[in-house]
């Protein structure tokens, strides 16, 4: 069985955050421009599914993946 990518728990200090904000906050991407491109191009998944909405509201427990890095939304 292949090793799964490690999941980083990222505390957002609340109950929800927008996908674009979370990608920067978690350190998966550096700028709003790269976030926008990665999401539009379908390189970002939320809970295993591609989501092209930068403004999608993430909830606690959601798992975001980009370029082999994985982050989970935590309180």
N, C-alpha and C. Protein backbone atom coordinates (compact mmCIF):
# COMPACT_ATOMS: atom_id res chain seq x y z
N UNK A 1 0.85 -1.19 0.00
CA UNK A 1 0.00 0.00 0.00
C UNK A 1 0.88 1.24 0.00
N UNK A 2 0.59 2.21 -0.85
CA UNK A 2 1.38 3.44 -0.95
C UNK A 2 1.12 4.32 0.27
N UNK A 3 2.15 5.08 0.64
CA UNK A 3 2.00 6.01 1.76
C UNK A 3 1.08 7.15 1.36
N UNK A 4 0.14 7.47 2.21
CA UNK A 4 -0.74 8.62 1.98
C UNK A 4 0.03 9.89 2.31
N UNK A 5 -0.34 10.98 1.66
CA UNK A 5 0.29 12.26 1.97
C UNK A 5 -0.08 12.64 3.41
N UNK A 6 0.89 13.16 4.17
CA UNK A 6 0.56 13.58 5.55
C UNK A 6 -0.41 14.75 5.53
N UNK A 7 -1.28 14.78 6.52
CA UNK A 7 -2.28 15.84 6.62
C UNK A 7 -1.84 16.83 7.70
N UNK A 8 -1.76 18.11 7.34
CA UNK A 8 -1.45 19.16 8.30
C UNK A 8 -2.76 19.72 8.83
N UNK A 9 -2.94 19.70 10.15
CA UNK A 9 -4.10 20.33 10.76
C UNK A 9 -3.83 21.82 10.89
N UNK A 10 -4.71 22.64 10.33
CA UNK A 10 -4.53 24.09 10.34
C UNK A 10 -5.69 24.71 11.12
N UNK A 11 -5.35 25.32 12.25
CA UNK A 11 -6.35 25.96 13.09
C UNK A 11 -6.70 27.32 12.51
N UNK A 12 -8.01 27.53 12.26
CA UNK A 12 -8.46 28.79 11.66
C UNK A 12 -9.04 29.75 12.69
N UNK A 13 -9.17 29.29 13.94
CA UNK A 13 -9.67 30.16 14.99
C UNK A 13 -11.14 30.51 14.87
N UNK A 14 -11.88 29.71 14.14
CA UNK A 14 -13.32 29.94 13.96
C UNK A 14 -13.96 28.70 13.41
N UNK A 15 -15.13 28.87 12.78
CA UNK A 15 -15.85 27.71 12.28
C UNK A 15 -15.83 27.58 10.76
N UNK A 16 -15.50 28.66 10.05
CA UNK A 16 -15.46 28.57 8.59
C UNK A 16 -14.45 29.57 8.04
N UNK A 17 -14.02 29.31 6.80
CA UNK A 17 -13.08 30.16 6.09
C UNK A 17 -13.28 29.90 4.60
N UNK A 18 -13.02 30.90 3.79
CA UNK A 18 -13.16 30.71 2.34
C UNK A 18 -11.96 29.93 1.81
N UNK A 19 -12.20 29.15 0.75
CA UNK A 19 -11.15 28.31 0.17
C UNK A 19 -9.91 29.10 -0.21
N UNK A 20 -10.09 30.22 -0.90
CA UNK A 20 -8.94 31.03 -1.31
C UNK A 20 -8.13 31.52 -0.12
N UNK A 21 -8.82 31.95 0.92
CA UNK A 21 -8.14 32.42 2.13
C UNK A 21 -7.39 31.28 2.81
N UNK A 22 -8.02 30.11 2.85
CA UNK A 22 -7.41 28.96 3.53
C UNK A 22 -6.14 28.51 2.83
N UNK A 23 -6.13 28.51 1.50
CA UNK A 23 -4.93 28.09 0.77
C UNK A 23 -3.73 28.96 1.13
N UNK A 24 -3.95 30.25 1.29
CA UNK A 24 -2.86 31.15 1.69
C UNK A 24 -2.54 30.98 3.17
N UNK A 25 -3.57 30.92 4.02
CA UNK A 25 -3.39 30.80 5.47
C UNK A 25 -2.63 29.52 5.83
N UNK A 26 -2.92 28.43 5.12
CA UNK A 26 -2.28 27.14 5.39
C UNK A 26 -0.89 27.05 4.76
N UNK A 27 -0.52 28.05 3.95
CA UNK A 27 0.79 28.05 3.33
C UNK A 27 0.89 27.16 2.10
N UNK A 28 -0.25 26.75 1.55
CA UNK A 28 -0.22 25.91 0.36
C UNK A 28 0.10 26.73 -0.89
N UNK A 29 -0.30 28.00 -0.88
CA UNK A 29 0.01 28.94 -1.96
C UNK A 29 0.33 30.30 -1.34
N UNK A 30 1.08 31.13 -2.09
CA UNK A 30 1.57 32.38 -1.51
C UNK A 30 0.74 33.61 -1.80
N UNK A 31 0.17 33.70 -3.00
CA UNK A 31 -0.51 34.94 -3.38
C UNK A 31 -1.92 34.67 -3.89
N UNK A 32 -2.73 35.72 -3.87
CA UNK A 32 -4.09 35.61 -4.37
C UNK A 32 -4.14 35.23 -5.84
N UNK A 33 -3.18 35.71 -6.62
CA UNK A 33 -3.14 35.39 -8.04
C UNK A 33 -2.89 33.91 -8.29
N UNK A 34 -1.93 33.34 -7.55
CA UNK A 34 -1.65 31.91 -7.73
C UNK A 34 -2.80 31.06 -7.20
N UNK A 35 -3.46 31.53 -6.14
CA UNK A 35 -4.62 30.82 -5.62
C UNK A 35 -5.71 30.78 -6.68
N UNK A 36 -6.01 31.93 -7.27
CA UNK A 36 -7.07 32.02 -8.28
C UNK A 36 -6.78 31.08 -9.45
N UNK A 37 -5.54 31.10 -9.96
CA UNK A 37 -5.18 30.24 -11.09
C UNK A 37 -5.29 28.77 -10.74
N UNK A 38 -4.77 28.38 -9.58
CA UNK A 38 -4.79 26.97 -9.18
C UNK A 38 -6.21 26.45 -9.04
N UNK A 39 -7.09 27.28 -8.48
CA UNK A 39 -8.49 26.86 -8.29
C UNK A 39 -9.20 26.77 -9.64
N UNK A 40 -9.06 27.80 -10.47
CA UNK A 40 -9.73 27.82 -11.78
C UNK A 40 -9.25 26.67 -12.66
N UNK A 41 -7.95 26.35 -12.58
CA UNK A 41 -7.38 25.29 -13.41
C UNK A 41 -7.70 23.89 -12.88
N UNK A 42 -8.38 23.80 -11.73
CA UNK A 42 -8.80 22.50 -11.22
C UNK A 42 -7.72 21.73 -10.47
N UNK A 43 -6.71 22.43 -9.95
CA UNK A 43 -5.61 21.77 -9.24
C UNK A 43 -5.87 21.62 -7.74
N UNK A 44 -6.97 22.15 -7.25
CA UNK A 44 -7.29 22.12 -5.82
C UNK A 44 -8.50 21.21 -5.61
N UNK A 45 -8.39 20.32 -4.61
CA UNK A 45 -9.54 19.49 -4.26
C UNK A 45 -9.96 19.78 -2.83
N UNK A 46 -11.25 19.64 -2.59
CA UNK A 46 -11.82 19.76 -1.25
C UNK A 46 -12.56 18.45 -0.99
N UNK A 47 -12.12 17.75 0.05
CA UNK A 47 -12.72 16.45 0.39
C UNK A 47 -12.72 15.51 -0.81
N UNK A 48 -11.63 15.54 -1.59
CA UNK A 48 -11.45 14.62 -2.69
C UNK A 48 -12.09 15.02 -4.01
N UNK A 49 -12.75 16.17 -4.06
CA UNK A 49 -13.40 16.61 -5.29
C UNK A 49 -12.87 17.98 -5.72
N UNK A 50 -12.65 18.15 -7.02
CA UNK A 50 -12.21 19.44 -7.55
C UNK A 50 -13.30 20.47 -7.28
N UNK A 51 -12.88 21.63 -6.79
CA UNK A 51 -13.82 22.73 -6.56
C UNK A 51 -13.21 23.99 -7.14
N UNK A 52 -13.91 24.62 -8.07
CA UNK A 52 -13.39 25.80 -8.76
C UNK A 52 -13.96 27.10 -8.20
N UNK A 53 -14.45 27.06 -6.96
CA UNK A 53 -15.02 28.27 -6.34
C UNK A 53 -14.07 28.78 -5.25
N UNK A 54 -13.41 29.88 -5.54
CA UNK A 54 -12.47 30.47 -4.59
C UNK A 54 -13.18 30.88 -3.31
N UNK A 55 -14.45 31.27 -3.42
CA UNK A 55 -15.21 31.73 -2.26
C UNK A 55 -15.94 30.64 -1.51
N UNK A 56 -15.72 29.39 -1.88
CA UNK A 56 -16.40 28.29 -1.19
C UNK A 56 -16.11 28.36 0.31
N UNK A 57 -17.15 28.23 1.10
CA UNK A 57 -16.99 28.24 2.55
C UNK A 57 -16.55 26.86 3.02
N UNK A 58 -15.36 26.77 3.59
CA UNK A 58 -14.89 25.52 4.17
C UNK A 58 -15.39 25.43 5.61
N UNK A 59 -15.67 24.23 6.05
CA UNK A 59 -16.13 23.99 7.41
C UNK A 59 -15.07 23.17 8.15
N UNK A 60 -15.18 23.12 9.46
CA UNK A 60 -14.25 22.33 10.26
C UNK A 60 -14.26 20.89 9.76
N UNK A 61 -13.07 20.32 9.59
CA UNK A 61 -12.94 18.95 9.14
C UNK A 61 -12.73 18.79 7.65
N UNK A 62 -13.00 19.85 6.86
CA UNK A 62 -12.77 19.76 5.42
C UNK A 62 -11.29 19.56 5.15
N UNK A 63 -10.99 18.78 4.12
CA UNK A 63 -9.60 18.48 3.75
C UNK A 63 -9.32 19.05 2.37
N UNK A 64 -8.28 19.89 2.29
CA UNK A 64 -7.91 20.57 1.05
C UNK A 64 -6.57 20.02 0.58
N UNK A 65 -6.49 19.71 -0.72
CA UNK A 65 -5.25 19.16 -1.28
C UNK A 65 -4.82 20.01 -2.47
N UNK A 66 -3.51 20.30 -2.51
CA UNK A 66 -2.91 20.99 -3.64
C UNK A 66 -1.48 20.53 -3.79
N UNK A 67 -1.12 20.06 -4.97
CA UNK A 67 0.27 19.73 -5.31
C UNK A 67 0.91 18.78 -4.29
N UNK A 68 0.19 17.74 -3.89
CA UNK A 68 0.73 16.74 -2.97
C UNK A 68 0.74 17.15 -1.52
N UNK A 69 0.26 18.35 -1.22
CA UNK A 69 0.17 18.81 0.17
C UNK A 69 -1.29 18.79 0.59
N UNK A 70 -1.52 18.41 1.84
CA UNK A 70 -2.88 18.24 2.35
C UNK A 70 -3.03 18.99 3.66
N UNK A 71 -4.12 19.75 3.78
CA UNK A 71 -4.38 20.50 5.01
C UNK A 71 -5.84 20.31 5.41
N UNK A 72 -6.06 20.11 6.71
CA UNK A 72 -7.42 19.94 7.23
C UNK A 72 -7.80 21.17 8.04
N UNK A 73 -9.02 21.66 7.86
CA UNK A 73 -9.54 22.82 8.58
C UNK A 73 -9.86 22.38 10.01
N UNK A 74 -9.23 23.03 10.98
CA UNK A 74 -9.43 22.72 12.40
C UNK A 74 -9.81 23.99 13.17
N UNK A 75 -10.47 23.81 14.32
CA UNK A 75 -10.88 24.98 15.11
C UNK A 75 -9.69 25.73 15.70
